[in-house]
Amino acid sequence: MLKKHPRIRLALYLAGAAGAAAAPIIAVAAPEYGVAVSAAAAVLTATALGTAASNLSQPDPQSDA
């Protein structure tokens, strides 16, 4: 999944990490947005981890093996 799109994978990873880091801060600063930001961060993190896990089982198309 997205094996040939490293920039998209990087964007997913960074968005998930940023959302996970920002969720507790936003939940304290603006409680009305806390649940939404936390849920969005969870979805982005799950997508990033799912993409990373699916890439582990696929051979690299550019490798010589």
N, C-alpha and C. Protein backbone atom coordinates (compact mmCIF):
# COMPACT_ATOMS: atom_id res chain seq x y z
N MET A 1 0.85 -1.18 0.00
CA MET A 1 0.00 0.00 0.00
C MET A 1 0.89 1.24 0.00
N LEU A 2 0.76 2.04 -1.02
CA LEU A 2 1.53 3.26 -1.17
C LEU A 2 3.04 3.01 -1.17
N LYS A 3 3.45 1.84 -1.62
CA LYS A 3 4.87 1.50 -1.65
C LYS A 3 5.65 2.42 -2.58
N LYS A 4 5.02 2.83 -3.68
CA LYS A 4 5.70 3.67 -4.66
C LYS A 4 5.49 5.16 -4.42
N HIS A 5 4.91 5.51 -3.30
CA HIS A 5 4.61 6.91 -2.99
C HIS A 5 5.20 7.30 -1.63
N PRO A 6 6.52 7.44 -1.55
CA PRO A 6 7.14 7.73 -0.25
C PRO A 6 6.73 9.08 0.34
N ARG A 7 6.44 10.06 -0.50
CA ARG A 7 6.04 11.37 0.03
C ARG A 7 4.67 11.31 0.68
N ILE A 8 3.77 10.55 0.09
CA ILE A 8 2.43 10.39 0.70
C ILE A 8 2.56 9.65 2.02
N ARG A 9 3.38 8.59 2.05
CA ARG A 9 3.60 7.86 3.31
C ARG A 9 4.19 8.77 4.37
N LEU A 10 5.18 9.57 3.99
CA LEU A 10 5.79 10.49 4.94
C LEU A 10 4.77 11.49 5.46
N ALA A 11 3.92 12.01 4.58
CA ALA A 11 2.88 12.96 5.01
C ALA A 11 1.92 12.30 5.99
N LEU A 12 1.54 11.05 5.74
CA LEU A 12 0.66 10.33 6.66
C LEU A 12 1.33 10.13 8.01
N TYR A 13 2.59 9.73 8.00
CA TYR A 13 3.31 9.51 9.25
C TYR A 13 3.42 10.81 10.05
N LEU A 14 3.80 11.89 9.37
CA LEU A 14 3.97 13.17 10.06
C LEU A 14 2.64 13.72 10.57
N ALA A 15 1.58 13.58 9.78
CA ALA A 15 0.26 14.05 10.22
C ALA A 15 -0.22 13.25 11.42
N GLY A 16 0.00 11.94 11.40
CA GLY A 16 -0.39 11.12 12.54
C GLY A 16 0.39 11.47 13.79
N ALA A 17 1.71 11.66 13.63
CA ALA A 17 2.54 12.01 14.79
C ALA A 17 2.19 13.40 15.33
N ALA A 18 1.97 14.35 14.43
CA ALA A 18 1.62 15.71 14.86
C ALA A 18 0.26 15.72 15.55
N GLY A 19 -0.69 14.99 15.01
CA GLY A 19 -2.01 14.93 15.63
C GLY A 19 -1.97 14.26 16.99
N ALA A 20 -1.20 13.19 17.09
CA ALA A 20 -1.08 12.50 18.38
C ALA A 20 -0.40 13.38 19.42
N ALA A 21 0.56 14.18 18.99
CA ALA A 21 1.24 15.08 19.92
C ALA A 21 0.37 16.27 20.31
N ALA A 22 -0.43 16.76 19.37
CA ALA A 22 -1.24 17.96 19.62
C ALA A 22 -2.55 17.66 20.33
N ALA A 23 -3.05 16.44 20.23
CA ALA A 23 -4.37 16.12 20.78
C ALA A 23 -4.51 16.45 22.27
N PRO A 24 -3.58 16.05 23.13
CA PRO A 24 -3.75 16.39 24.55
C PRO A 24 -3.68 17.89 24.83
N ILE A 25 -2.83 18.59 24.08
CA ILE A 25 -2.71 20.03 24.28
C ILE A 25 -4.00 20.73 23.87
N ILE A 26 -4.55 20.34 22.73
CA ILE A 26 -5.79 20.95 22.26
C ILE A 26 -6.95 20.58 23.18
N ALA A 27 -6.94 19.36 23.69
CA ALA A 27 -8.02 18.94 24.60
C ALA A 27 -8.04 19.79 25.86
N VAL A 28 -6.88 20.21 26.33
CA VAL A 28 -6.82 21.06 27.52
C VAL A 28 -7.15 22.51 27.17
N ALA A 29 -6.58 23.00 26.07
CA ALA A 29 -6.77 24.40 25.69
C ALA A 29 -8.16 24.69 25.16
N ALA A 30 -8.72 23.78 24.38
CA ALA A 30 -10.04 23.99 23.78
C ALA A 30 -10.83 22.69 23.90
N PRO A 31 -11.46 22.45 25.04
CA PRO A 31 -12.14 21.17 25.27
C PRO A 31 -13.22 20.84 24.25
N GLU A 32 -13.82 21.86 23.64
CA GLU A 32 -14.88 21.58 22.66
C GLU A 32 -14.33 20.92 21.40
N TYR A 33 -13.04 21.08 21.12
CA TYR A 33 -12.42 20.44 19.96
C TYR A 33 -11.60 19.21 20.34
N GLY A 34 -11.46 18.94 21.61
CA GLY A 34 -10.61 17.86 22.07
C GLY A 34 -10.99 16.49 21.55
N VAL A 35 -12.28 16.18 21.59
CA VAL A 35 -12.73 14.85 21.13
C VAL A 35 -12.51 14.70 19.63
N ALA A 36 -12.82 15.73 18.86
CA ALA A 36 -12.66 15.66 17.41
C ALA A 36 -11.19 15.53 17.02
N VAL A 37 -10.33 16.30 17.64
CA VAL A 37 -8.90 16.23 17.32
C VAL A 37 -8.32 14.89 17.75
N SER A 38 -8.74 14.40 18.89
CA SER A 38 -8.26 13.11 19.36
C SER A 38 -8.69 11.98 18.42
N ALA A 39 -9.94 12.03 17.97
CA ALA A 39 -10.43 11.00 17.04
C ALA A 39 -9.70 11.09 15.70
N ALA A 40 -9.49 12.30 15.20
CA ALA A 40 -8.77 12.47 13.94
C ALA A 40 -7.33 11.98 14.06
N ALA A 41 -6.70 12.27 15.18
CA ALA A 41 -5.33 11.80 15.40
C ALA A 41 -5.28 10.28 15.45
N ALA A 42 -6.27 9.67 16.07
CA ALA A 42 -6.31 8.21 16.13
C ALA A 42 -6.47 7.60 14.74
N VAL A 43 -7.31 8.20 13.91
CA VAL A 43 -7.50 7.70 12.54
C VAL A 43 -6.22 7.86 11.73
N LEU A 44 -5.59 9.03 11.81
CA LEU A 44 -4.34 9.24 11.07
C LEU A 44 -3.23 8.32 11.55
N THR A 45 -3.13 8.11 12.84
CA THR A 45 -2.11 7.22 13.38
C THR A 45 -2.36 5.78 12.95
N ALA A 46 -3.61 5.35 12.99
CA ALA A 46 -3.94 3.99 12.55
C ALA A 46 -3.65 3.82 11.06
N THR A 47 -3.95 4.83 10.26
CA THR A 47 -3.65 4.76 8.83
C THR A 47 -2.15 4.69 8.59
N ALA A 48 -1.40 5.51 9.29
CA ALA A 48 0.06 5.50 9.13
C ALA A 48 0.65 4.16 9.56
N LEU A 49 0.20 3.64 10.69
CA LEU A 49 0.72 2.35 11.15
C LEU A 49 0.29 1.21 10.24
N GLY A 50 -0.94 1.26 9.74
CA GLY A 50 -1.40 0.24 8.79
C GLY A 50 -0.60 0.26 7.51
N THR A 51 -0.31 1.46 7.02
CA THR A 51 0.50 1.59 5.81
C THR A 51 1.91 1.07 6.05
N ALA A 52 2.48 1.41 7.19
CA ALA A 52 3.83 0.93 7.50
C ALA A 52 3.86 -0.58 7.63
N ALA A 53 2.85 -1.14 8.29
CA ALA A 53 2.81 -2.60 8.47
C ALA A 53 2.62 -3.32 7.14
N SER A 54 1.80 -2.77 6.25
CA SER A 54 1.58 -3.43 4.97
C SER A 54 2.81 -3.33 4.08
N ASN A 55 3.62 -2.29 4.26
CA ASN A 55 4.83 -2.17 3.46
C ASN A 55 5.92 -3.13 3.92
N LEU A 56 5.84 -3.62 5.14
CA LEU A 56 6.84 -4.57 5.62
C LEU A 56 6.76 -5.89 4.88
N SER A 57 5.56 -6.29 4.49
CA SER A 57 5.39 -7.60 3.87
C SER A 57 5.58 -7.58 2.36
N GLN A 58 5.74 -6.42 1.76
CA GLN A 58 5.91 -6.33 0.32
C GLN A 58 7.38 -6.18 -0.04
N PRO A 59 7.83 -6.88 -1.08
CA PRO A 59 9.22 -6.69 -1.51
C PRO A 59 9.39 -5.31 -2.14
N ASP A 60 10.58 -4.77 -2.02
CA ASP A 60 10.89 -3.47 -2.60
C ASP A 60 11.02 -3.63 -4.11
N PRO A 61 10.22 -2.90 -4.91
CA PRO A 61 10.28 -3.08 -6.37
C PRO A 61 11.60 -2.61 -6.97
N GLN A 62 12.38 -1.81 -6.26
CA GLN A 62 13.64 -1.31 -6.80
C GLN A 62 14.84 -2.13 -6.36
N SER A 63 14.63 -3.13 -5.52
CA SER A 63 15.76 -3.93 -5.05
C SER A 63 16.14 -4.97 -6.10
N ASP A 64 17.36 -5.46 -6.01
CA ASP A 64 17.86 -6.44 -6.97
C ASP A 64 17.43 -7.86 -6.63
N ALA A 65 16.91 -8.09 -5.44
CA ALA A 65 16.57 -9.44 -5.01
C ALA A 65 15.33 -9.95 -5.68
